[in-house]
Amino acid sequence: MIIYEVNLTVDHNIADEYAEWLAEHVREMLTLPGFVSAEWLVDTHYNEEEGADTRWSIQYRLGSHDDLQRYFDEHAERMRAEGLERFGDRFSATRRILRARQSEEAIE
């Protein structure tokens, strides 16, 4: 399992419009081969500041590194261009690729 994490900083003035677009974008990503699930996380500490830009993290889970490479080769340019065309420089994105070293369940 691979986690492809996209960390977003969005101008607070367009956050609602961006969120509407992002929800659809995530749904479209999940239709691509190899994408298993996604989780949309909110940076609650940063987002509490008055007038601060909005910070979100989307963590996509993919079956393998080969699935992620196929995304980069076949879909990434188009998927990234959609946000840039619509919102220009009013957001920024950084990305990380993670894999689990160890995973455990909590004991209740």
PDB file of N, CA and C in Angstrom:
ATOM      1  N   MET A   1       0.856  -1.181   0.000  1.00  0.00           N
ATOM      2  CA  MET A   1       0.000   0.000   0.000  1.00  0.00           C
ATOM      3  C   MET A   1       0.895   1.236   0.000  1.00  0.00           C
ATOM      4  N   ILE A   2       0.572   2.174  -0.858  1.00  0.00           N
ATOM      5  CA  ILE A   2       1.287   3.442  -0.982  1.00  0.00           C
ATOM      6  C   ILE A   2       0.309   4.566  -0.652  1.00  0.00           C
ATOM      7  N   ILE A   3       0.792   5.572   0.047  1.00  0.00           N
ATOM      8  CA  ILE A   3      -0.005   6.767   0.305  1.00  0.00           C
ATOM      9  C   ILE A   3       0.610   7.907  -0.492  1.00  0.00           C
ATOM     10  N   TYR A   4      -0.213   8.523  -1.308  1.00  0.00           N
ATOM     11  CA  TYR A   4       0.172   9.701  -2.078  1.00  0.00           C
ATOM     12  C   TYR A   4      -0.528  10.870  -1.405  1.00  0.00           C
ATOM     13  N   GLU A   5       0.246  11.727  -0.758  1.00  0.00           N
ATOM     14  CA  GLU A   5      -0.297  12.818   0.040  1.00  0.00           C
ATOM     15  C   GLU A   5      -0.119  14.137  -0.699  1.00  0.00           C
ATOM     16  N   VAL A   6      -1.212  14.878  -0.814  1.00  0.00           N
ATOM     17  CA  VAL A   6      -1.185  16.206  -1.432  1.00  0.00           C
ATOM     18  C   VAL A   6      -1.586  17.209  -0.363  1.00  0.00           C
ATOM     19  N   ASN A   7      -0.653  18.104  -0.025  1.00  0.00           N
ATOM     20  CA  ASN A   7      -0.888  19.122   0.996  1.00  0.00           C
ATOM     21  C   ASN A   7      -1.181  20.443   0.310  1.00  0.00           C
ATOM     22  N   LEU A   8      -2.322  21.016   0.642  1.00  0.00           N
ATOM     23  CA  LEU A   8      -2.822  22.212  -0.031  1.00  0.00           C
ATOM     24  C   LEU A   8      -2.897  23.396   0.925  1.00  0.00           C
ATOM     25  N   THR A   9      -2.512  24.542   0.431  1.00  0.00           N
ATOM     26  CA  THR A   9      -2.743  25.811   1.112  1.00  0.00           C
ATOM     27  C   THR A   9      -3.567  26.652   0.150  1.00  0.00           C
ATOM     28  N   VAL A  10      -4.773  27.039   0.588  1.00  0.00           N
ATOM     29  CA  VAL A  10      -5.742  27.698  -0.284  1.00  0.00           C
ATOM     30  C   VAL A  10      -6.083  29.070   0.288  1.00  0.00           C
ATOM     31  N   ASP A  11      -6.063  30.076  -0.573  1.00  0.00           N
ATOM     32  CA  ASP A  11      -6.461  31.428  -0.202  1.00  0.00           C
ATOM     33  C   ASP A  11      -7.832  31.360   0.472  1.00  0.00           C
ATOM     34  N   HIS A  12      -7.940  31.889   1.678  1.00  0.00           N
ATOM     35  CA  HIS A  12      -9.195  31.777   2.432  1.00  0.00           C
ATOM     36  C   HIS A  12     -10.382  32.403   1.705  1.00  0.00           C
ATOM     37  N   ASN A  13     -10.132  33.341   0.799  1.00  0.00           N
ATOM     38  CA  ASN A  13     -11.219  33.981   0.054  1.00  0.00           C
ATOM     39  C   ASN A  13     -11.870  33.056  -0.977  1.00  0.00           C
ATOM     40  N   ILE A  14     -11.192  32.007  -1.382  1.00  0.00           N
ATOM     41  CA  ILE A  14     -11.754  31.079  -2.369  1.00  0.00           C
ATOM     42  C   ILE A  14     -11.936  29.676  -1.792  1.00  0.00           C
ATOM     43  N   ALA A  15     -11.757  29.518  -0.491  1.00  0.00           N
ATOM     44  CA  ALA A  15     -11.763  28.189   0.127  1.00  0.00           C
ATOM     45  C   ALA A  15     -13.059  27.418  -0.146  1.00  0.00           C
ATOM     46  N   ASP A  16     -14.197  28.065  -0.073  1.00  0.00           N
ATOM     47  CA  ASP A  16     -15.466  27.358  -0.299  1.00  0.00           C
ATOM     48  C   ASP A  16     -15.575  26.877  -1.747  1.00  0.00           C
ATOM     49  N   GLU A  17     -15.257  27.747  -2.686  1.00  0.00           N
ATOM     50  CA  GLU A  17     -15.304  27.363  -4.098  1.00  0.00           C
ATOM     51  C   GLU A  17     -14.282  26.258  -4.395  1.00  0.00           C
ATOM     52  N   TYR A  18     -13.104  26.384  -3.814  1.00  0.00           N
ATOM     53  CA  TYR A  18     -12.067  25.376  -4.025  1.00  0.00           C
ATOM     54  C   TYR A  18     -12.512  24.030  -3.441  1.00  0.00           C
ATOM     55  N   ALA A  19     -13.142  24.065  -2.279  1.00  0.00           N
ATOM     56  CA  ALA A  19     -13.610  22.834  -1.639  1.00  0.00           C
ATOM     57  C   ALA A  19     -14.628  22.111  -2.513  1.00  0.00           C
ATOM     58  N   GLU A  20     -15.531  22.854  -3.143  1.00  0.00           N
ATOM     59  CA  GLU A  20     -16.507  22.238  -4.047  1.00  0.00           C
ATOM     60  C   GLU A  20     -15.801  21.561  -5.210  1.00  0.00           C
ATOM     61  N   TRP A  21     -14.837  22.255  -5.798  1.00  0.00           N
ATOM     62  CA  TRP A  21     -14.074  21.671  -6.904  1.00  0.00           C
ATOM     63  C   TRP A  21     -13.258  20.474  -6.426  1.00  0.00           C
ATOM     64  N   LEU A  22     -12.623  20.593  -5.256  1.00  0.00           N
ATOM     65  CA  LEU A  22     -11.762  19.532  -4.744  1.00  0.00           C
ATOM     66  C   LEU A  22     -12.539  18.246  -4.467  1.00  0.00           C
ATOM     67  N   ALA A  23     -13.745  18.363  -3.968  1.00  0.00           N
ATOM     68  CA  ALA A  23     -14.556  17.170  -3.707  1.00  0.00           C
ATOM     69  C   ALA A  23     -14.759  16.375  -4.994  1.00  0.00           C
ATOM     70  N   GLU A  24     -15.060  17.049  -6.076  1.00  0.00           N
ATOM     71  CA  GLU A  24     -15.233  16.382  -7.362  1.00  0.00           C
ATOM     72  C   GLU A  24     -13.903  15.838  -7.876  1.00  0.00           C
ATOM     73  N   HIS A  25     -12.845  16.589  -7.686  1.00  0.00           N
ATOM     74  CA  HIS A  25     -11.508  16.164  -8.110  1.00  0.00           C
ATOM     75  C   HIS A  25     -11.114  14.855  -7.415  1.00  0.00           C
ATOM     76  N   VAL A  26     -11.351  14.772  -6.120  1.00  0.00           N
ATOM     77  CA  VAL A  26     -11.024  13.557  -5.366  1.00  0.00           C
ATOM     78  C   VAL A  26     -11.846  12.375  -5.885  1.00  0.00           C
ATOM     79  N   ARG A  27     -13.131  12.610  -6.148  1.00  0.00           N
ATOM     80  CA  ARG A  27     -13.970  11.533  -6.696  1.00  0.00           C
ATOM     81  C   ARG A  27     -13.412  11.045  -8.032  1.00  0.00           C
ATOM     82  N   GLU A  28     -12.962  11.975  -8.875  1.00  0.00           N
ATOM     83  CA  GLU A  28     -12.394  11.592 -10.163  1.00  0.00           C
ATOM     84  C   GLU A  28     -11.090  10.821  -9.977  1.00  0.00           C
ATOM     85  N   MET A  29     -10.258  11.242  -9.043  1.00  0.00           N
ATOM     86  CA  MET A  29      -9.010  10.521  -8.773  1.00  0.00           C
ATOM     87  C   MET A  29      -9.299   9.067  -8.398  1.00  0.00           C
ATOM     88  N   LEU A  30     -10.361   8.859  -7.642  1.00  0.00           N
ATOM     89  CA  LEU A  30     -10.686   7.501  -7.185  1.00  0.00           C
ATOM     90  C   LEU A  30     -11.205   6.607  -8.299  1.00  0.00           C
ATOM     91  N   THR A  31     -11.486   7.171  -9.460  1.00  0.00           N
ATOM     92  CA  THR A  31     -11.886   6.341 -10.606  1.00  0.00           C
ATOM     93  C   THR A  31     -10.674   5.858 -11.397  1.00  0.00           C
ATOM     94  N   LEU A  32      -9.497   6.403 -11.103  1.00  0.00           N
ATOM     95  CA  LEU A  32      -8.291   6.034 -11.841  1.00  0.00           C
ATOM     96  C   LEU A  32      -7.770   4.677 -11.365  1.00  0.00           C
ATOM     97  N   PRO A  33      -7.147   3.916 -12.259  1.00  0.00           N
ATOM     98  CA  PRO A  33      -6.634   2.591 -11.898  1.00  0.00           C
ATOM     99  C   PRO A  33      -5.648   2.660 -10.730  1.00  0.00           C
ATOM    100  N   GLY A  34      -5.829   1.778  -9.763  1.00  0.00           N
ATOM    101  CA  GLY A  34      -4.899   1.660  -8.649  1.00  0.00           C
ATOM    102  C   GLY A  34      -5.264   2.459  -7.422  1.00  0.00           C
ATOM    103  N   PHE A  35      -6.143   3.476  -7.557  1.00  0.00           N
ATOM    104  CA  PHE A  35      -6.544   4.269  -6.402  1.00  0.00           C
ATOM    105  C   PHE A  35      -7.592   3.499  -5.613  1.00  0.00           C
ATOM    106  N   VAL A  36      -7.334   3.333  -4.317  1.00  0.00           N
ATOM    107  CA  VAL A  36      -8.183   2.504  -3.460  1.00  0.00           C
ATOM    108  C   VAL A  36      -9.121   3.358  -2.611  1.00  0.00           C
ATOM    109  N   SER A  37      -8.585   4.416  -2.020  1.00  0.00           N
ATOM    110  CA  SER A  37      -9.394   5.274  -1.147  1.00  0.00           C
ATOM    111  C   SER A  37      -8.693   6.613  -0.990  1.00  0.00           C
ATOM    112  N   ALA A  38      -9.420   7.554  -0.364  1.00  0.00           N
ATOM    113  CA  ALA A  38      -8.853   8.873  -0.086  1.00  0.00           C
ATOM    114  C   ALA A  38      -9.422   9.383   1.225  1.00  0.00           C
ATOM    115  N   GLU A  39      -8.620  10.183   1.895  1.00  0.00           N
ATOM    116  CA  GLU A  39      -9.056  10.827   3.124  1.00  0.00           C
ATOM    117  C   GLU A  39      -8.674  12.302   3.035  1.00  0.00           C
ATOM    118  N   TRP A  40      -9.634  13.175   3.331  1.00  0.00           N
ATOM    119  CA  TRP A  40      -9.440  14.630   3.288  1.00  0.00           C
ATOM    120  C   TRP A  40      -9.287  15.093   4.726  1.00  0.00           C
ATOM    121  N   LEU A  41      -8.118  15.606   5.060  1.00  0.00           N
ATOM    122  CA  LEU A  41      -7.805  16.023   6.422  1.00  0.00           C
ATOM    123  C   LEU A  41      -7.703  17.546   6.486  1.00  0.00           C
ATOM    124  N   VAL A  42      -8.098  18.109   7.620  1.00  0.00           N
ATOM    125  CA  VAL A  42      -8.067  19.547   7.842  1.00  0.00           C
ATOM    126  C   VAL A  42      -7.010  19.856   8.896  1.00  0.00           C
ATOM    127  N   ASP A  43      -6.165  20.824   8.620  1.00  0.00           N
ATOM    128  CA  ASP A  43      -5.183  21.303   9.593  1.00  0.00           C
ATOM    129  C   ASP A  43      -5.933  22.232  10.540  1.00  0.00           C
ATOM    130  N   THR A  44      -6.462  21.690  11.616  1.00  0.00           N
ATOM    131  CA  THR A  44      -7.344  22.457  12.503  1.00  0.00           C
ATOM    132  C   THR A  44      -6.608  23.566  13.229  1.00  0.00           C
ATOM    133  N   HIS A  45      -5.381  23.359  13.584  1.00  0.00           N
ATOM    134  CA  HIS A  45      -4.631  24.399  14.299  1.00  0.00           C
ATOM    135  C   HIS A  45      -4.407  25.614  13.406  1.00  0.00           C
ATOM    136  N   TYR A  46      -3.920  25.380  12.226  1.00  0.00           N
ATOM    137  CA  TYR A  46      -3.618  26.478  11.304  1.00  0.00           C
ATOM    138  C   TYR A  46      -4.892  27.193  10.869  1.00  0.00           C
ATOM    139  N   ASN A  47      -5.953  26.440  10.635  1.00  0.00           N
ATOM    140  CA  ASN A  47      -7.188  27.022  10.113  1.00  0.00           C
ATOM    141  C   ASN A  47      -7.961  27.830  11.157  1.00  0.00           C
ATOM    142  N   GLU A  48      -7.539  27.805  12.406  1.00  0.00           N
ATOM    143  CA  GLU A  48      -8.220  28.585  13.443  1.00  0.00           C
ATOM    144  C   GLU A  48      -7.802  30.056  13.436  1.00  0.00           C
ATOM    145  N   GLU A  49      -6.673  30.376  12.811  1.00  0.00           N
ATOM    146  CA  GLU A  49      -6.184  31.749  12.810  1.00  0.00           C
ATOM    147  C   GLU A  49      -7.087  32.639  11.957  1.00  0.00           C
ATOM    148  N   GLU A  50      -7.407  33.792  12.460  1.00  0.00           N
ATOM    149  CA  GLU A  50      -8.280  34.745  11.760  1.00  0.00           C
ATOM    150  C   GLU A  50      -7.690  35.143  10.414  1.00  0.00           C
ATOM    151  N   GLY A  51      -8.452  34.936   9.345  1.00  0.00           N
ATOM    152  CA  GLY A  51      -8.020  35.332   8.010  1.00  0.00           C
ATOM    153  C   GLY A  51      -6.923  34.484   7.407  1.00  0.00           C
ATOM    154  N   ALA A  52      -6.555  33.405   8.073  1.00  0.00           N
ATOM    155  CA  ALA A  52      -5.475  32.551   7.564  1.00  0.00           C
ATOM    156  C   ALA A  52      -5.959  31.762   6.360  1.00  0.00           C
ATOM    157  N   ASP A  53      -5.026  31.462   5.480  1.00  0.00           N
ATOM    158  CA  ASP A  53      -5.355  30.573   4.373  1.00  0.00           C
ATOM    159  C   ASP A  53      -5.765  29.221   4.928  1.00  0.00           C
ATOM    160  N   THR A  54      -6.484  28.467   4.143  1.00  0.00           N
ATOM    161  CA  THR A  54      -6.972  27.160   4.548  1.00  0.00           C
ATOM    162  C   THR A  54      -5.947  26.094   4.176  1.00  0.00           C
ATOM    163  N   ARG A  55      -5.725  25.164   5.068  1.00  0.00           N
ATOM    164  CA  ARG A  55      -4.787  24.062   4.804  1.00  0.00           C
ATOM    165  C   ARG A  55      -5.526  22.731   4.899  1.00  0.00           C
ATOM    166  N   TRP A  56      -5.369  21.962   3.828  1.00  0.00           N
ATOM    167  CA  TRP A  56      -5.931  20.615   3.777  1.00  0.00           C
ATOM    168  C   TRP A  56      -4.855  19.644   3.326  1.00  0.00           C
ATOM    169  N   SER A  57      -5.054  18.400   3.680  1.00  0.00           N
ATOM    170  CA  SER A  57      -4.195  17.327   3.199  1.00  0.00           C
ATOM    171  C   SER A  57      -5.102  16.220   2.671  1.00  0.00           C
ATOM    172  N   ILE A  58      -4.840  15.783   1.448  1.00  0.00           N
ATOM    173  CA  ILE A  58      -5.567  14.659   0.881  1.00  0.00           C
ATOM    174  C   ILE A  58      -4.603  13.487   0.842  1.00  0.00           C
ATOM    175  N   GLN A  59      -5.001  12.386   1.456  1.00  0.00           N
ATOM    176  CA  GLN A  59      -4.169  11.184   1.435  1.00  0.00           C
ATOM    177  C   GLN A  59      -4.878  10.127   0.592  1.00  0.00           C
ATOM    178  N   TYR A  60      -4.285   9.866  -0.564  1.00  0.00           N
ATOM    179  CA  TYR A  60      -4.795   8.836  -1.458  1.00  0.00           C
ATOM    180  C   TYR A  60      -4.058   7.543  -1.162  1.00  0.00           C
ATOM    181  N   ARG A  61      -4.789   6.438  -1.102  1.00  0.00           N
ATOM    182  CA  ARG A  61      -4.171   5.129  -0.939  1.00  0.00           C
ATOM    183  C   ARG A  61      -4.232   4.397  -2.272  1.00  0.00           C
ATOM    184  N   LEU A  62      -3.075   3.883  -2.656  1.00  0.00           N
ATOM    185  CA  LEU A  62      -2.961   3.146  -3.917  1.00  0.00           C
ATOM    186  C   LEU A  62      -2.437   1.750  -3.613  1.00  0.00           C
ATOM    187  N   GLY A  63      -2.746   0.815  -4.509  1.00  0.00           N
ATOM    188  CA  GLY A  63      -2.343  -0.562  -4.301  1.00  0.00           C
ATOM    189  C   GLY A  63      -0.849  -0.786  -4.342  1.00  0.00           C
ATOM    190  N   SER A  64      -0.141  -0.036  -5.180  1.00  0.00           N
ATOM    191  CA  SER A  64       1.293  -0.276  -5.329  1.00  0.00           C
ATOM    192  C   SER A  64       1.990   0.974  -5.868  1.00  0.00           C
ATOM    193  N   HIS A  65       3.303   0.941  -5.793  1.00  0.00           N
ATOM    194  CA  HIS A  65       4.091   2.032  -6.367  1.00  0.00           C
ATOM    195  C   HIS A  65       3.910   2.062  -7.882  1.00  0.00           C
ATOM    196  N   ASP A  66       3.737   0.903  -8.517  1.00  0.00           N
ATOM    197  CA  ASP A  66       3.485   0.855  -9.968  1.00  0.00           C
ATOM    198  C   ASP A  66       2.193   1.589 -10.324  1.00  0.00           C
ATOM    199  N   ASP A  67       1.163   1.468  -9.481  1.00  0.00           N
ATOM    200  CA  ASP A  67      -0.082   2.203  -9.714  1.00  0.00           C
ATOM    201  C   ASP A  67       0.157   3.710  -9.663  1.00  0.00           C
ATOM    202  N   LEU A  68       0.971   4.153  -8.698  1.00  0.00           N
ATOM    203  CA  LEU A  68       1.270   5.574  -8.586  1.00  0.00           C
ATOM    204  C   LEU A  68       2.079   6.045  -9.795  1.00  0.00           C
ATOM    205  N   GLN A  69       3.030   5.244 -10.232  1.00  0.00           N
ATOM    206  CA  GLN A  69       3.825   5.618 -11.398  1.00  0.00           C
ATOM    207  C   GLN A  69       2.951   5.724 -12.640  1.00  0.00           C
ATOM    208  N   ARG A  70       1.979   4.822 -12.779  1.00  0.00           N
ATOM    209  CA  ARG A  70       1.044   4.892 -13.904  1.00  0.00           C
ATOM    210  C   ARG A  70       0.244   6.198 -13.846  1.00  0.00           C
ATOM    211  N   TYR A  71      -0.161   6.599 -12.640  1.00  0.00           N
ATOM    212  CA  TYR A  71      -0.851   7.884 -12.482  1.00  0.00           C
ATOM    213  C   TYR A  71       0.043   9.028 -12.956  1.00  0.00           C
ATOM    214  N   PHE A  72       1.287   9.051 -12.498  1.00  0.00           N
ATOM    215  CA  PHE A  72       2.214  10.111 -12.908  1.00  0.00           C
ATOM    216  C   PHE A  72       2.389  10.139 -14.425  1.00  0.00           C
ATOM    217  N   ASP A  73       2.540   8.964 -15.028  1.00  0.00           N
ATOM    218  CA  ASP A  73       2.802   8.867 -16.462  1.00  0.00           C
ATOM    219  C   ASP A  73       1.590   9.216 -17.320  1.00  0.00           C
ATOM    220  N   GLU A  74       0.388   8.857 -16.867  1.00  0.00           N
ATOM    221  CA  GLU A  74      -0.790   8.939 -17.728  1.00  0.00           C
ATOM    222  C   GLU A  74      -1.811  10.008 -17.346  1.00  0.00           C
ATOM    223  N   HIS A  75      -1.839  10.438 -16.077  1.00  0.00           N
ATOM    224  CA  HIS A  75      -2.941  11.291 -15.639  1.00  0.00           C
ATOM    225  C   HIS A  75      -2.537  12.554 -14.882  1.00  0.00           C
ATOM    226  N   ALA A  76      -1.375  12.571 -14.253  1.00  0.00           N
ATOM    227  CA  ALA A  76      -1.023  13.649 -13.330  1.00  0.00           C
ATOM    228  C   ALA A  76      -1.042  15.027 -13.988  1.00  0.00           C
ATOM    229  N   GLU A  77      -0.474  15.148 -15.155  1.00  0.00           N
ATOM    230  CA  GLU A  77      -0.405  16.462 -15.805  1.00  0.00           C
ATOM    231  C   GLU A  77      -1.802  17.042 -16.016  1.00  0.00           C
ATOM    232  N   ARG A  78      -2.713  16.233 -16.520  1.00  0.00           N
ATOM    233  CA  ARG A  78      -4.088  16.687 -16.768  1.00  0.00           C
ATOM    234  C   ARG A  78      -4.811  17.017 -15.459  1.00  0.00           C
ATOM    235  N   MET A  79      -4.664  16.150 -14.462  1.00  0.00           N
ATOM    236  CA  MET A  79      -5.376  16.357 -13.203  1.00  0.00           C
ATOM    237  C   MET A  79      -4.866  17.608 -12.486  1.00  0.00           C
ATOM    238  N   ARG A  80      -3.574  17.859 -12.535  1.00  0.00           N
ATOM    239  CA  ARG A  80      -3.021  19.050 -11.894  1.00  0.00           C
ATOM    240  C   ARG A  80      -3.409  20.317 -12.650  1.00  0.00           C
ATOM    241  N   ALA A  81      -3.473  20.234 -13.968  1.00  0.00           N
ATOM    242  CA  ALA A  81      -3.780  21.404 -14.798  1.00  0.00           C
ATOM    243  C   ALA A  81      -5.174  21.951 -14.516  1.00  0.00           C
ATOM    244  N   GLU A  82      -6.116  21.077 -14.178  1.00  0.00           N
ATOM    245  CA  GLU A  82      -7.493  21.524 -13.919  1.00  0.00           C
ATOM    246  C   GLU A  82      -7.541  22.564 -12.805  1.00  0.00           C
ATOM    247  N   GLY A  83      -6.856  22.292 -11.692  1.00  0.00           N
ATOM    248  CA  GLY A  83      -6.850  23.236 -10.575  1.00  0.00           C
ATOM    249  C   GLY A  83      -6.117  24.515 -10.917  1.00  0.00           C
ATOM    250  N   LEU A  84      -5.006  24.380 -11.625  1.00  0.00           N
ATOM    251  CA  LEU A  84      -4.234  25.570 -12.006  1.00  0.00           C
ATOM    252  C   LEU A  84      -5.014  26.472 -12.946  1.00  0.00           C
ATOM    253  N   GLU A  85      -5.725  25.880 -13.897  1.00  0.00           N
ATOM    254  CA  GLU A  85      -6.522  26.677 -14.835  1.00  0.00           C
ATOM    255  C   GLU A  85      -7.631  27.436 -14.117  1.00  0.00           C
ATOM    256  N   ARG A  86      -8.232  26.795 -13.154  1.00  0.00           N
ATOM    257  CA  ARG A  86      -9.373  27.405 -12.484  1.00  0.00           C
ATOM    258  C   ARG A  86      -8.975  28.391 -11.377  1.00  0.00           C
ATOM    259  N   PHE A  87      -7.905  28.072 -10.627  1.00  0.00           N
ATOM    260  CA  PHE A  87      -7.581  28.870  -9.439  1.00  0.00           C
ATOM    261  C   PHE A  87      -6.219  29.568  -9.503  1.00  0.00           C
ATOM    262  N   GLY A  88      -5.452  29.307 -10.534  1.00  0.00           N
ATOM    263  CA  GLY A  88      -4.171  29.989 -10.718  1.00  0.00           C
ATOM    264  C   GLY A  88      -3.257  29.890  -9.521  1.00  0.00           C
ATOM    265  N   ASP A  89      -2.777  31.046  -9.073  1.00  0.00           N
ATOM    266  CA  ASP A  89      -1.815  31.067  -7.970  1.00  0.00           C
ATOM    267  C   ASP A  89      -2.483  31.302  -6.614  1.00  0.00           C
ATOM    268  N   ARG A  90      -3.778  31.043  -6.514  1.00  0.00           N
ATOM    269  CA  ARG A  90      -4.503  31.270  -5.259  1.00  0.00           C
ATOM    270  C   ARG A  90      -4.465  30.059  -4.346  1.00  0.00           C
ATOM    271  N   PHE A  91      -3.642  29.066  -4.738  1.00  0.00           N
ATOM    272  CA  PHE A  91      -3.410  27.902  -3.892  1.00  0.00           C
ATOM    273  C   PHE A  91      -2.004  27.385  -4.202  1.00  0.00           C
ATOM    274  N   SER A  92      -1.497  26.573  -3.298  1.00  0.00           N
ATOM    275  CA  SER A  92      -0.238  25.883  -3.565  1.00  0.00           C
ATOM    276  C   SER A  92      -0.387  24.440  -3.104  1.00  0.00           C
ATOM    277  N   ALA A  93       0.419  23.578  -3.695  1.00  0.00           N
ATOM    278  CA  ALA A  93       0.354  22.156  -3.363  1.00  0.00           C
ATOM    279  C   ALA A  93       1.765  21.595  -3.246  1.00  0.00           C
ATOM    280  N   THR A  94       1.960  20.793  -2.226  1.00  0.00           N
ATOM    281  CA  THR A  94       3.174  20.001  -2.096  1.00  0.00           C
ATOM    282  C   THR A  94       2.742  18.548  -1.992  1.00  0.00           C
ATOM    283  N   ARG A  95       3.625  17.653  -2.354  1.00  0.00           N
ATOM    284  CA  ARG A  95       3.261  16.243  -2.405  1.00  0.00           C
ATOM    285  C   ARG A  95       4.321  15.384  -1.725  1.00  0.00           C
ATOM    286  N   ARG A  96       3.846  14.286  -1.143  1.00  0.00           N
ATOM    287  CA  ARG A  96       4.750  13.290  -0.552  1.00  0.00           C
ATOM    288  C   ARG A  96       4.253  11.908  -0.930  1.00  0.00           C
ATOM    289  N   ILE A  97       5.180  10.971  -0.985  1.00  0.00           N
ATOM    290  CA  ILE A  97       4.848   9.570  -1.216  1.00  0.00           C
ATOM    291  C   ILE A  97       5.291   8.807   0.021  1.00  0.00           C
ATOM    292  N   LEU A  98       4.355   8.098   0.631  1.00  0.00           N
ATOM    293  CA  LEU A  98       4.616   7.390   1.881  1.00  0.00           C
ATOM    294  C   LEU A  98       4.264   5.918   1.734  1.00  0.00           C
ATOM    295  N   ARG A  99       4.940   5.091   2.465  1.00  0.00           N
ATOM    296  CA  ARG A  99       4.553   3.694   2.581  1.00  0.00           C
ATOM    297  C   ARG A  99       4.625   3.322   4.046  1.00  0.00           C
ATOM    298  N   ALA A 100       3.802   2.406   4.467  1.00  0.00           N
ATOM    299  CA  ALA A 100       3.759   2.009   5.872  1.00  0.00           C
ATOM    300  C   ALA A 100       4.998   1.163   6.205  1.00  0.00           C
ATOM    301  N   ARG A 101       5.642   1.526   7.276  1.00  0.00           N
ATOM    302  CA  ARG A 101       6.725   0.704   7.788  1.00  0.00           C
ATOM    303  C   ARG A 101       6.159  -0.373   8.701  1.00  0.00           C
ATOM    304  N   GLN A 102       5.142   0.026   9.472  1.00  0.00           N
ATOM    305  CA  GLN A 102       4.505  -0.891  10.392  1.00  0.00           C
ATOM    306  C   GLN A 102       3.097  -0.386  10.635  1.00  0.00           C
ATOM    307  N   SER A 103       2.159  -1.270  10.801  1.00  0.00           N
ATOM    308  CA  SER A 103       0.792  -0.888  11.052  1.00  0.00           C
ATOM    309  C   SER A 103       0.225  -1.765  12.149  1.00  0.00           C
ATOM    310  N   GLU A 104      -0.463  -1.143  13.106  1.00  0.00           N
ATOM    311  CA  GLU A 104      -1.062  -1.880  14.210  1.00  0.00           C
ATOM    312  C   GLU A 104      -2.446  -1.323  14.496  1.00  0.00           C
ATOM    313  N   GLU A 105      -3.305  -2.131  15.016  1.00  0.00           N
ATOM    314  CA  GLU A 105      -4.641  -1.719  15.436  1.00  0.00           C
ATOM    315  C   GLU A 105      -4.632  -1.389  16.913  1.00  0.00           C
ATOM    316  N   ALA A 106      -5.443  -0.438  17.310  1.00  0.00           N
ATOM    317  CA  ALA A 106      -5.556  -0.091  18.733  1.00  0.00           C
ATOM    318  C   ALA A 106      -6.289  -1.190  19.479  1.00  0.00           C
ATOM    319  N   ILE A 107      -5.885  -1.407  20.692  1.00  0.00           N
ATOM    320  CA  ILE A 107      -6.538  -2.404  21.555  1.00  0.00           C
ATOM    321  C   ILE A 107      -7.564  -1.669  22.394  1.00  0.00           C
ATOM    322  N   GLU A 108      -8.792  -2.138  22.348  1.00  0.00           N
ATOM    323  CA  GLU A 108      -9.862  -1.462  23.113  1.00  0.00           C
ATOM    324  C   GLU A 108     -10.063  -2.124  24.431  1.00  0.00           C
TER     325      GLU A 108
END
